[in-house]
Amino acid sequence: MALAALGLALSGCTGSSEEDPEAKATPQEKWAQSLCKALEPTTAAVSPPASDAAANAAESKKDIVEFLRTLRERLDSQAKVLADAGAPPEIDPAAYDQAKKSVVDGSKTLQGVIKRLKDADPKNSEQMQATLLQVGESLAESSSYQGPLAELSASDENLKKAFESDETCVSIMSS
C-alpha cells in the first residue's frame, strides 16, 4: 500500500500537463516558429491600385510604381529575414539557398519592372500600353511563386510539418 501511494505521488511529479509546447518542439519547429514570427510583418496584404479609367496615365503610373515598390521592399525584407535566420537545422542547405535566391530574384524582377514603367512616357499612350503589357507579362511569370515557406516546405517533409504546426506559419502560407 505504501508503495502504491509512493508511485502515485511520484507520477504526479514527473510531468505537468501544462508543459511549454516550445520545450518539446523539434529543432525544425523552433526554427520555423522563429522564422515565421520574423516574416509576419512582411506579409500583410497589399492592395493593388484601383484601375480607374478616368484617372490620368501619369497618376496611374505613379500608383502602380508605388505598389510595385512596396512589393519589392517586402521581398527585400524577407530576404534579410531568411539570411538572418540561417539554414534550418537538419535540412539540406541547398533548399534554403534556393529559397533565398528565389526571393532575391523576385525582388530583382520587380526592380526591372519598376524601371521599365518609370521610363515609360505617360503622354505616349502606345508606349504606356506596350509597357503595361510587358509589366503584366513579367508579373504573370512570377505570379505562381508562393513564397519562401512554400518553397522550403516542398523541400523537406519534417520542415513542412514544422510550418504546419505553427499558427503564424499557417497564417502566412494561407494568405
N, C-alpha and C. Protein backbone atom coordinates (compact mmCIF):
# COMPACT_ATOMS: atom_id res chain seq x y z
N MET A 1 0.83 -1.18 0.00
CA MET A 1 0.00 0.00 0.00
C MET A 1 0.88 1.25 0.00
N ALA A 2 1.92 1.22 0.79
CA ALA A 2 2.83 2.37 0.85
C ALA A 2 3.51 2.57 -0.49
N LEU A 3 3.86 1.46 -1.18
CA LEU A 3 4.49 1.57 -2.49
C LEU A 3 3.53 2.16 -3.51
N ALA A 4 2.26 1.80 -3.43
CA ALA A 4 1.27 2.34 -4.35
C ALA A 4 1.12 3.84 -4.15
N ALA A 5 1.09 4.27 -2.89
CA ALA A 5 0.97 5.70 -2.59
C ALA A 5 2.20 6.44 -3.08
N LEU A 6 3.38 5.83 -2.87
CA LEU A 6 4.63 6.45 -3.34
C LEU A 6 4.62 6.56 -4.86
N GLY A 7 4.14 5.50 -5.54
CA GLY A 7 4.06 5.51 -7.00
C GLY A 7 3.14 6.61 -7.50
N LEU A 8 2.00 6.79 -6.83
CA LEU A 8 1.08 7.85 -7.22
C LEU A 8 1.69 9.23 -7.00
N ALA A 9 2.37 9.38 -5.88
CA ALA A 9 2.99 10.67 -5.58
C ALA A 9 4.07 11.00 -6.60
N LEU A 10 4.88 10.00 -6.95
CA LEU A 10 5.96 10.23 -7.91
C LEU A 10 5.41 10.50 -9.31
N SER A 11 4.34 9.79 -9.68
CA SER A 11 3.82 10.00 -11.03
C SER A 11 3.28 11.42 -11.19
N GLY A 12 2.82 12.00 -10.12
CA GLY A 12 2.34 13.38 -10.18
C GLY A 12 3.47 14.36 -10.34
N CYS A 13 4.69 13.96 -10.01
CA CYS A 13 5.84 14.87 -10.08
C CYS A 13 6.62 14.75 -11.38
N THR A 14 6.30 13.74 -12.18
CA THR A 14 7.15 13.52 -13.35
C THR A 14 6.83 14.42 -14.52
N GLY A 15 5.70 15.02 -14.54
CA GLY A 15 5.40 15.89 -15.67
C GLY A 15 4.17 16.70 -15.39
N SER A 16 4.02 17.72 -16.15
CA SER A 16 2.86 18.59 -15.99
C SER A 16 2.13 18.65 -17.32
N SER A 17 0.84 18.68 -17.26
CA SER A 17 0.07 18.79 -18.49
C SER A 17 0.18 20.19 -19.08
N GLU A 18 0.77 21.10 -18.35
CA GLU A 18 0.91 22.47 -18.82
C GLU A 18 2.34 22.78 -19.25
N GLU A 19 3.04 21.76 -19.77
CA GLU A 19 4.41 21.98 -20.23
C GLU A 19 4.41 22.97 -21.39
N ASP A 20 5.47 23.72 -21.46
CA ASP A 20 5.64 24.67 -22.56
C ASP A 20 5.80 23.88 -23.85
N PRO A 21 4.89 24.06 -24.83
CA PRO A 21 5.00 23.29 -26.07
C PRO A 21 6.31 23.55 -26.80
N GLU A 22 6.89 24.73 -26.62
CA GLU A 22 8.15 25.03 -27.29
C GLU A 22 9.29 24.19 -26.72
N ALA A 23 9.17 23.79 -25.45
CA ALA A 23 10.21 22.97 -24.84
C ALA A 23 10.28 21.61 -25.52
N LYS A 24 9.16 21.12 -26.05
CA LYS A 24 9.13 19.82 -26.73
C LYS A 24 9.30 19.96 -28.23
N ALA A 25 9.42 21.15 -28.73
CA ALA A 25 9.50 21.38 -30.18
C ALA A 25 10.79 20.81 -30.76
N THR A 26 10.67 20.30 -31.97
CA THR A 26 11.86 19.81 -32.68
C THR A 26 12.70 21.01 -33.10
N PRO A 27 13.95 20.77 -33.48
CA PRO A 27 14.77 21.89 -33.97
C PRO A 27 14.14 22.60 -35.17
N GLN A 28 13.51 21.83 -36.06
CA GLN A 28 12.85 22.45 -37.21
C GLN A 28 11.66 23.30 -36.77
N GLU A 29 10.90 22.81 -35.79
CA GLU A 29 9.75 23.58 -35.30
C GLU A 29 10.19 24.88 -34.65
N LYS A 30 11.26 24.82 -33.87
CA LYS A 30 11.77 26.05 -33.25
C LYS A 30 12.23 27.04 -34.32
N TRP A 31 12.94 26.52 -35.32
CA TRP A 31 13.42 27.38 -36.41
C TRP A 31 12.24 27.98 -37.17
N ALA A 32 11.24 27.15 -37.48
CA ALA A 32 10.06 27.61 -38.22
C ALA A 32 9.31 28.68 -37.43
N GLN A 33 9.13 28.46 -36.14
CA GLN A 33 8.43 29.44 -35.30
C GLN A 33 9.15 30.78 -35.32
N SER A 34 10.46 30.73 -35.16
CA SER A 34 11.26 31.95 -35.15
C SER A 34 11.20 32.65 -36.51
N LEU A 35 11.35 31.88 -37.58
CA LEU A 35 11.32 32.45 -38.93
C LEU A 35 9.97 33.10 -39.21
N CYS A 36 8.90 32.40 -38.92
CA CYS A 36 7.56 32.92 -39.23
C CYS A 36 7.24 34.16 -38.41
N LYS A 37 7.67 34.17 -37.17
CA LYS A 37 7.46 35.36 -36.34
C LYS A 37 8.16 36.57 -36.96
N ALA A 38 9.38 36.35 -37.47
CA ALA A 38 10.14 37.44 -38.09
C ALA A 38 9.56 37.82 -39.46
N LEU A 39 9.00 36.85 -40.19
CA LEU A 39 8.44 37.13 -41.51
C LEU A 39 7.07 37.79 -41.46
N GLU A 40 6.34 37.57 -40.38
CA GLU A 40 4.95 38.02 -40.32
C GLU A 40 4.75 39.50 -40.70
N PRO A 41 5.57 40.43 -40.21
CA PRO A 41 5.35 41.84 -40.59
C PRO A 41 5.52 42.11 -42.09
N THR A 42 6.19 41.21 -42.80
CA THR A 42 6.44 41.42 -44.23
C THR A 42 5.37 40.80 -45.11
N THR A 43 4.32 40.26 -44.48
CA THR A 43 3.34 39.52 -45.27
C THR A 43 1.93 40.10 -45.24
N ALA A 44 1.77 41.27 -44.68
CA ALA A 44 0.43 41.88 -44.65
C ALA A 44 -0.05 42.12 -46.08
N ALA A 45 -1.33 42.03 -46.26
CA ALA A 45 -1.91 42.20 -47.59
C ALA A 45 -1.61 43.59 -48.14
N VAL A 46 -1.31 43.63 -49.42
CA VAL A 46 -1.09 44.89 -50.13
C VAL A 46 -2.07 44.91 -51.29
N SER A 47 -2.88 45.93 -51.33
CA SER A 47 -3.88 46.01 -52.41
C SER A 47 -3.29 46.72 -53.61
N PRO A 48 -3.51 46.14 -54.79
CA PRO A 48 -3.05 46.83 -55.99
C PRO A 48 -3.84 48.11 -56.18
N PRO A 49 -3.27 49.06 -56.89
CA PRO A 49 -4.00 50.32 -57.10
C PRO A 49 -5.29 50.06 -57.89
N ALA A 50 -6.29 50.83 -57.56
CA ALA A 50 -7.56 50.71 -58.29
C ALA A 50 -7.34 51.13 -59.73
N SER A 51 -7.93 50.39 -60.62
CA SER A 51 -7.80 50.79 -62.03
C SER A 51 -8.99 51.68 -62.36
N ASP A 52 -8.69 52.93 -62.51
CA ASP A 52 -9.72 53.93 -62.78
C ASP A 52 -9.49 54.46 -64.19
N ALA A 53 -10.41 54.14 -65.07
CA ALA A 53 -10.26 54.57 -66.47
C ALA A 53 -10.22 56.08 -66.60
N ALA A 54 -10.82 56.77 -65.64
CA ALA A 54 -10.85 58.23 -65.71
C ALA A 54 -9.55 58.86 -65.20
N ALA A 55 -8.76 58.09 -64.47
CA ALA A 55 -7.51 58.63 -63.93
C ALA A 55 -6.53 58.89 -65.08
N ASN A 56 -5.70 59.90 -64.88
CA ASN A 56 -4.74 60.18 -65.95
C ASN A 56 -3.60 59.17 -65.89
N ALA A 57 -2.94 58.98 -67.02
CA ALA A 57 -1.90 57.97 -67.14
C ALA A 57 -0.75 58.20 -66.17
N ALA A 58 -0.37 59.47 -65.97
CA ALA A 58 0.74 59.77 -65.06
C ALA A 58 0.40 59.36 -63.63
N GLU A 59 -0.83 59.63 -63.21
CA GLU A 59 -1.25 59.26 -61.85
C GLU A 59 -1.32 57.74 -61.70
N SER A 60 -1.85 57.07 -62.71
CA SER A 60 -1.92 55.60 -62.68
C SER A 60 -0.52 55.00 -62.61
N LYS A 61 0.38 55.56 -63.42
CA LYS A 61 1.76 55.07 -63.44
C LYS A 61 2.39 55.23 -62.06
N LYS A 62 2.19 56.38 -61.45
CA LYS A 62 2.74 56.64 -60.11
C LYS A 62 2.20 55.63 -59.09
N ASP A 63 0.90 55.37 -59.14
CA ASP A 63 0.29 54.42 -58.20
C ASP A 63 0.82 53.00 -58.40
N ILE A 64 0.98 52.60 -59.66
CA ILE A 64 1.49 51.26 -59.95
C ILE A 64 2.93 51.13 -59.49
N VAL A 65 3.75 52.14 -59.76
CA VAL A 65 5.15 52.12 -59.33
C VAL A 65 5.23 52.02 -57.81
N GLU A 66 4.40 52.77 -57.11
CA GLU A 66 4.41 52.73 -55.64
C GLU A 66 4.01 51.34 -55.13
N PHE A 67 3.01 50.75 -55.74
CA PHE A 67 2.57 49.40 -55.37
C PHE A 67 3.71 48.40 -55.58
N LEU A 68 4.36 48.46 -56.74
CA LEU A 68 5.45 47.53 -57.03
C LEU A 68 6.65 47.75 -56.10
N ARG A 69 6.91 49.00 -55.74
CA ARG A 69 8.00 49.28 -54.78
C ARG A 69 7.69 48.64 -53.43
N THR A 70 6.44 48.73 -53.01
CA THR A 70 6.05 48.12 -51.73
C THR A 70 6.29 46.62 -51.78
N LEU A 71 5.91 45.98 -52.87
CA LEU A 71 6.14 44.54 -53.02
C LEU A 71 7.64 44.23 -53.00
N ARG A 72 8.42 45.02 -53.73
CA ARG A 72 9.87 44.79 -53.78
C ARG A 72 10.49 44.96 -52.40
N GLU A 73 10.08 45.99 -51.67
CA GLU A 73 10.61 46.21 -50.32
C GLU A 73 10.27 45.04 -49.40
N ARG A 74 9.11 44.48 -49.57
CA ARG A 74 8.73 43.32 -48.76
C ARG A 74 9.61 42.12 -49.08
N LEU A 75 9.87 41.91 -50.37
CA LEU A 75 10.76 40.81 -50.74
C LEU A 75 12.16 41.05 -50.19
N ASP A 76 12.63 42.28 -50.25
CA ASP A 76 13.95 42.60 -49.68
C ASP A 76 13.97 42.30 -48.19
N SER A 77 12.89 42.65 -47.50
CA SER A 77 12.79 42.37 -46.06
C SER A 77 12.77 40.86 -45.80
N GLN A 78 12.05 40.13 -46.63
CA GLN A 78 12.00 38.68 -46.47
C GLN A 78 13.37 38.05 -46.71
N ALA A 79 14.09 38.57 -47.69
CA ALA A 79 15.44 38.06 -47.96
C ALA A 79 16.34 38.27 -46.75
N LYS A 80 16.21 39.43 -46.11
CA LYS A 80 17.02 39.71 -44.91
C LYS A 80 16.62 38.78 -43.76
N VAL A 81 15.33 38.57 -43.57
CA VAL A 81 14.86 37.67 -42.51
C VAL A 81 15.41 36.26 -42.74
N LEU A 82 15.34 35.79 -43.98
CA LEU A 82 15.87 34.46 -44.29
C LEU A 82 17.37 34.38 -44.02
N ALA A 83 18.09 35.40 -44.44
CA ALA A 83 19.54 35.42 -44.22
C ALA A 83 19.86 35.43 -42.73
N ASP A 84 19.11 36.23 -41.97
CA ASP A 84 19.33 36.31 -40.52
C ASP A 84 19.00 34.99 -39.82
N ALA A 85 18.00 34.27 -40.33
CA ALA A 85 17.57 33.01 -39.70
C ALA A 85 18.60 31.91 -39.91
N GLY A 86 19.32 31.98 -41.00
CA GLY A 86 20.25 30.90 -41.31
C GLY A 86 19.49 29.68 -41.80
N ALA A 87 20.24 28.70 -42.26
CA ALA A 87 19.62 27.48 -42.79
C ALA A 87 18.91 26.73 -41.68
N PRO A 88 17.79 26.10 -42.00
CA PRO A 88 17.08 25.31 -40.99
C PRO A 88 17.93 24.11 -40.57
N PRO A 89 17.81 23.71 -39.31
CA PRO A 89 18.61 22.58 -38.83
C PRO A 89 18.18 21.27 -39.50
N GLU A 90 19.16 20.41 -39.72
CA GLU A 90 18.93 19.06 -40.22
C GLU A 90 18.24 19.03 -41.59
N ILE A 91 18.45 20.08 -42.37
CA ILE A 91 17.83 20.19 -43.70
C ILE A 91 18.95 20.47 -44.70
N ASP A 92 18.77 19.99 -45.92
CA ASP A 92 19.74 20.25 -46.98
C ASP A 92 19.86 21.76 -47.19
N PRO A 93 21.05 22.33 -46.97
CA PRO A 93 21.21 23.78 -47.12
C PRO A 93 20.93 24.27 -48.54
N ALA A 94 20.99 23.40 -49.53
CA ALA A 94 20.72 23.82 -50.91
C ALA A 94 19.28 24.30 -51.06
N ALA A 95 18.35 23.68 -50.37
CA ALA A 95 16.94 24.11 -50.44
C ALA A 95 16.78 25.50 -49.85
N TYR A 96 17.46 25.74 -48.74
CA TYR A 96 17.43 27.07 -48.10
C TYR A 96 18.05 28.11 -49.03
N ASP A 97 19.19 27.77 -49.62
CA ASP A 97 19.85 28.70 -50.54
C ASP A 97 18.95 29.02 -51.74
N GLN A 98 18.23 28.01 -52.23
CA GLN A 98 17.33 28.22 -53.37
C GLN A 98 16.17 29.13 -52.96
N ALA A 99 15.64 28.94 -51.75
CA ALA A 99 14.54 29.80 -51.28
C ALA A 99 15.00 31.25 -51.17
N LYS A 100 16.21 31.46 -50.65
CA LYS A 100 16.76 32.82 -50.58
C LYS A 100 16.92 33.40 -51.97
N LYS A 101 17.46 32.60 -52.89
CA LYS A 101 17.68 33.06 -54.26
C LYS A 101 16.35 33.44 -54.92
N SER A 102 15.31 32.66 -54.69
CA SER A 102 14.01 32.95 -55.29
C SER A 102 13.47 34.29 -54.83
N VAL A 103 13.64 34.59 -53.54
CA VAL A 103 13.17 35.88 -53.01
C VAL A 103 13.97 37.03 -53.62
N VAL A 104 15.28 36.87 -53.68
CA VAL A 104 16.14 37.91 -54.27
C VAL A 104 15.81 38.08 -55.75
N ASP A 105 15.62 36.97 -56.47
CA ASP A 105 15.27 37.06 -57.89
C ASP A 105 13.94 37.78 -58.09
N GLY A 106 12.98 37.51 -57.21
CA GLY A 106 11.68 38.19 -57.29
C GLY A 106 11.84 39.69 -57.11
N SER A 107 12.69 40.08 -56.17
CA SER A 107 12.95 41.50 -55.94
C SER A 107 13.60 42.14 -57.17
N LYS A 108 14.56 41.43 -57.77
CA LYS A 108 15.23 41.95 -58.96
C LYS A 108 14.26 42.08 -60.13
N THR A 109 13.37 41.11 -60.28
CA THR A 109 12.35 41.18 -61.34
C THR A 109 11.49 42.42 -61.15
N LEU A 110 11.04 42.63 -59.92
CA LEU A 110 10.22 43.82 -59.64
C LEU A 110 10.99 45.10 -59.91
N GLN A 111 12.28 45.12 -59.56
CA GLN A 111 13.08 46.32 -59.81
C GLN A 111 13.14 46.61 -61.31
N GLY A 112 13.31 45.57 -62.12
CA GLY A 112 13.33 45.75 -63.57
C GLY A 112 11.99 46.26 -64.11
N VAL A 113 10.91 45.71 -63.57
CA VAL A 113 9.57 46.14 -63.98
C VAL A 113 9.36 47.61 -63.60
N ILE A 114 9.77 47.97 -62.40
CA ILE A 114 9.63 49.36 -61.94
C ILE A 114 10.41 50.30 -62.86
N LYS A 115 11.63 49.91 -63.20
CA LYS A 115 12.45 50.76 -64.07
C LYS A 115 11.78 50.95 -65.43
N ARG A 116 11.29 49.85 -66.03
CA ARG A 116 10.61 49.96 -67.33
C ARG A 116 9.40 50.88 -67.23
N LEU A 117 8.66 50.73 -66.17
CA LEU A 117 7.46 51.55 -66.00
C LEU A 117 7.81 53.02 -65.79
N LYS A 118 8.84 53.27 -64.97
CA LYS A 118 9.25 54.66 -64.73
C LYS A 118 9.75 55.32 -66.01
N ASP A 119 10.40 54.53 -66.88
CA ASP A 119 10.95 55.07 -68.13
C ASP A 119 9.87 55.34 -69.18
N ALA A 120 8.70 54.76 -69.01
CA ALA A 120 7.63 54.94 -69.99
C ALA A 120 7.05 56.35 -69.89
N ASP A 121 6.75 56.93 -71.04
CA ASP A 121 6.18 58.28 -71.10
C ASP A 121 4.66 58.18 -71.03
N PRO A 122 4.05 58.66 -69.96
CA PRO A 122 2.59 58.56 -69.83
C PRO A 122 1.84 59.36 -70.89
N LYS A 123 2.52 60.29 -71.55
CA LYS A 123 1.86 61.09 -72.60
C LYS A 123 1.80 60.32 -73.92
N ASN A 124 2.61 59.28 -74.03
CA ASN A 124 2.63 58.45 -75.23
C ASN A 124 1.80 57.19 -74.94
N SER A 125 0.54 57.22 -75.34
CA SER A 125 -0.37 56.13 -74.96
C SER A 125 0.06 54.78 -75.52
N GLU A 126 0.63 54.74 -76.73
CA GLU A 126 1.10 53.47 -77.29
C GLU A 126 2.24 52.90 -76.46
N GLN A 127 3.19 53.77 -76.09
CA GLN A 127 4.32 53.32 -75.29
C GLN A 127 3.84 52.84 -73.92
N MET A 128 2.93 53.58 -73.31
CA MET A 128 2.41 53.18 -71.99
C MET A 128 1.70 51.84 -72.09
N GLN A 129 0.90 51.67 -73.13
CA GLN A 129 0.17 50.42 -73.30
C GLN A 129 1.14 49.25 -73.48
N ALA A 130 2.16 49.45 -74.31
CA ALA A 130 3.16 48.40 -74.54
C ALA A 130 3.91 48.08 -73.24
N THR A 131 4.26 49.12 -72.50
CA THR A 131 4.98 48.93 -71.24
C THR A 131 4.10 48.19 -70.23
N LEU A 132 2.85 48.59 -70.13
CA LEU A 132 1.94 47.92 -69.20
C LEU A 132 1.73 46.46 -69.58
N LEU A 133 1.73 46.16 -70.87
CA LEU A 133 1.62 44.78 -71.32
C LEU A 133 2.86 43.99 -70.89
N GLN A 134 4.05 44.59 -71.07
CA GLN A 134 5.29 43.93 -70.64
C GLN A 134 5.30 43.73 -69.12
N VAL A 135 4.85 44.74 -68.40
CA VAL A 135 4.78 44.65 -66.94
C VAL A 135 3.86 43.49 -66.55
N GLY A 136 2.70 43.43 -67.18
CA GLY A 136 1.76 42.35 -66.90
C GLY A 136 2.35 40.98 -67.18
N GLU A 137 3.08 40.86 -68.29
CA GLU A 137 3.71 39.58 -68.64
C GLU A 137 4.78 39.20 -67.62
N SER A 138 5.59 40.18 -67.21
CA SER A 138 6.64 39.92 -66.22
C SER A 138 6.04 39.47 -64.89
N LEU A 139 4.97 40.13 -64.49
CA LEU A 139 4.34 39.79 -63.22
C LEU A 139 3.63 38.44 -63.31
N ALA A 140 3.06 38.13 -64.47
CA ALA A 140 2.37 36.84 -64.64
C ALA A 140 3.35 35.68 -64.52
N GLU A 141 4.56 35.87 -65.04
CA GLU A 141 5.58 34.82 -64.96
C GLU A 141 5.91 34.47 -63.51
N SER A 142 5.89 35.47 -62.65
CA SER A 142 6.27 35.22 -61.26
C SER A 142 5.07 35.05 -60.33
N SER A 143 3.86 35.09 -60.88
CA SER A 143 2.67 35.04 -60.03
C SER A 143 2.46 33.68 -59.37
N SER A 144 3.07 32.63 -59.91
CA SER A 144 2.89 31.31 -59.32
C SER A 144 3.78 31.10 -58.08
N TYR A 145 4.74 31.98 -57.87
CA TYR A 145 5.62 31.84 -56.71
C TYR A 145 4.83 32.08 -55.44
N GLN A 146 4.89 31.12 -54.51
CA GLN A 146 4.09 31.20 -53.29
C GLN A 146 4.88 31.64 -52.07
N GLY A 147 6.15 31.92 -52.25
CA GLY A 147 6.94 32.44 -51.14
C GLY A 147 7.90 31.41 -50.57
N PRO A 148 8.80 31.88 -49.71
CA PRO A 148 9.85 31.01 -49.19
C PRO A 148 9.33 29.86 -48.33
N LEU A 149 8.23 30.05 -47.60
CA LEU A 149 7.73 28.97 -46.76
C LEU A 149 7.23 27.80 -47.61
N ALA A 150 6.52 28.11 -48.67
CA ALA A 150 6.03 27.05 -49.56
C ALA A 150 7.21 26.34 -50.23
N GLU A 151 8.19 27.11 -50.64
CA GLU A 151 9.36 26.52 -51.29
C GLU A 151 10.13 25.62 -50.33
N LEU A 152 10.33 26.08 -49.11
CA LEU A 152 11.03 25.27 -48.11
C LEU A 152 10.20 24.05 -47.71
N SER A 153 8.89 24.21 -47.60
CA SER A 153 8.01 23.09 -47.26
C SER A 153 8.13 21.97 -48.29
N ALA A 154 8.22 22.35 -49.54
CA ALA A 154 8.30 21.36 -50.61
C ALA A 154 9.63 20.60 -50.58
N SER A 155 10.62 21.15 -49.91
CA SER A 155 11.95 20.54 -49.91
C SER A 155 12.14 19.48 -48.83
N ASP A 156 11.31 19.50 -47.78
CA ASP A 156 11.53 18.58 -46.67
C ASP A 156 10.22 18.35 -45.91
N GLU A 157 9.86 17.10 -45.74
CA GLU A 157 8.60 16.74 -45.08
C GLU A 157 8.58 17.19 -43.61
N ASN A 158 9.69 17.05 -42.89
CA ASN A 158 9.73 17.48 -41.48
C ASN A 158 9.59 18.99 -41.35
N LEU A 159 10.20 19.71 -42.27
CA LEU A 159 10.07 21.17 -42.24
C LEU A 159 8.65 21.58 -42.60
N LYS A 160 8.05 20.87 -43.54
CA LYS A 160 6.64 21.13 -43.89
C LYS A 160 5.76 20.96 -42.65
N LYS A 161 5.98 19.87 -41.92
CA LYS A 161 5.20 19.62 -40.69
C LYS A 161 5.45 20.72 -39.66
N ALA A 162 6.69 21.19 -39.58
CA ALA A 162 7.03 22.26 -38.64
C ALA A 162 6.27 23.53 -38.99
N PHE A 163 6.21 23.87 -40.26
CA PHE A 163 5.45 25.06 -40.68
C PHE A 163 3.96 24.87 -40.41
N GLU A 164 3.46 23.67 -40.68
CA GLU A 164 2.03 23.39 -40.49
C GLU A 164 1.63 23.36 -39.02
N SER A 165 2.60 23.16 -38.12
CA SER A 165 2.29 23.09 -36.69
C SER A 165 2.32 24.46 -36.02
N ASP A 166 2.74 25.49 -36.75
CA ASP A 166 2.83 26.82 -36.16
C ASP A 166 1.73 27.72 -36.74
N GLU A 167 0.96 28.32 -35.86
CA GLU A 167 -0.17 29.15 -36.27
C GLU A 167 0.25 30.32 -37.17
N THR A 168 1.35 30.98 -36.83
CA THR A 168 1.82 32.11 -37.63
C THR A 168 2.24 31.65 -39.02
N CYS A 169 2.94 30.52 -39.09
CA CYS A 169 3.36 29.99 -40.40
C CYS A 169 2.14 29.63 -41.25
N VAL A 170 1.16 28.98 -40.63
CA VAL A 170 -0.06 28.60 -41.36
C VAL A 170 -0.75 29.85 -41.90
N SER A 171 -0.81 30.89 -41.08
CA SER A 171 -1.45 32.14 -41.50
C SER A 171 -0.71 32.75 -42.69
N ILE A 172 0.61 32.74 -42.64
CA ILE A 172 1.41 33.30 -43.73
C ILE A 172 1.21 32.49 -45.01
N MET A 173 1.22 31.17 -44.88
CA MET A 173 1.12 30.31 -46.06
C MET A 173 -0.27 30.35 -46.69
N SER A 174 -1.28 30.69 -45.91
CA SER A 174 -2.64 30.71 -46.46
C SER A 174 -3.03 32.08 -47.00
N SER A 175 -2.16 33.07 -46.81
CA SER A 175 -2.54 34.41 -47.29
C SER A 175 -2.06 34.65 -48.70
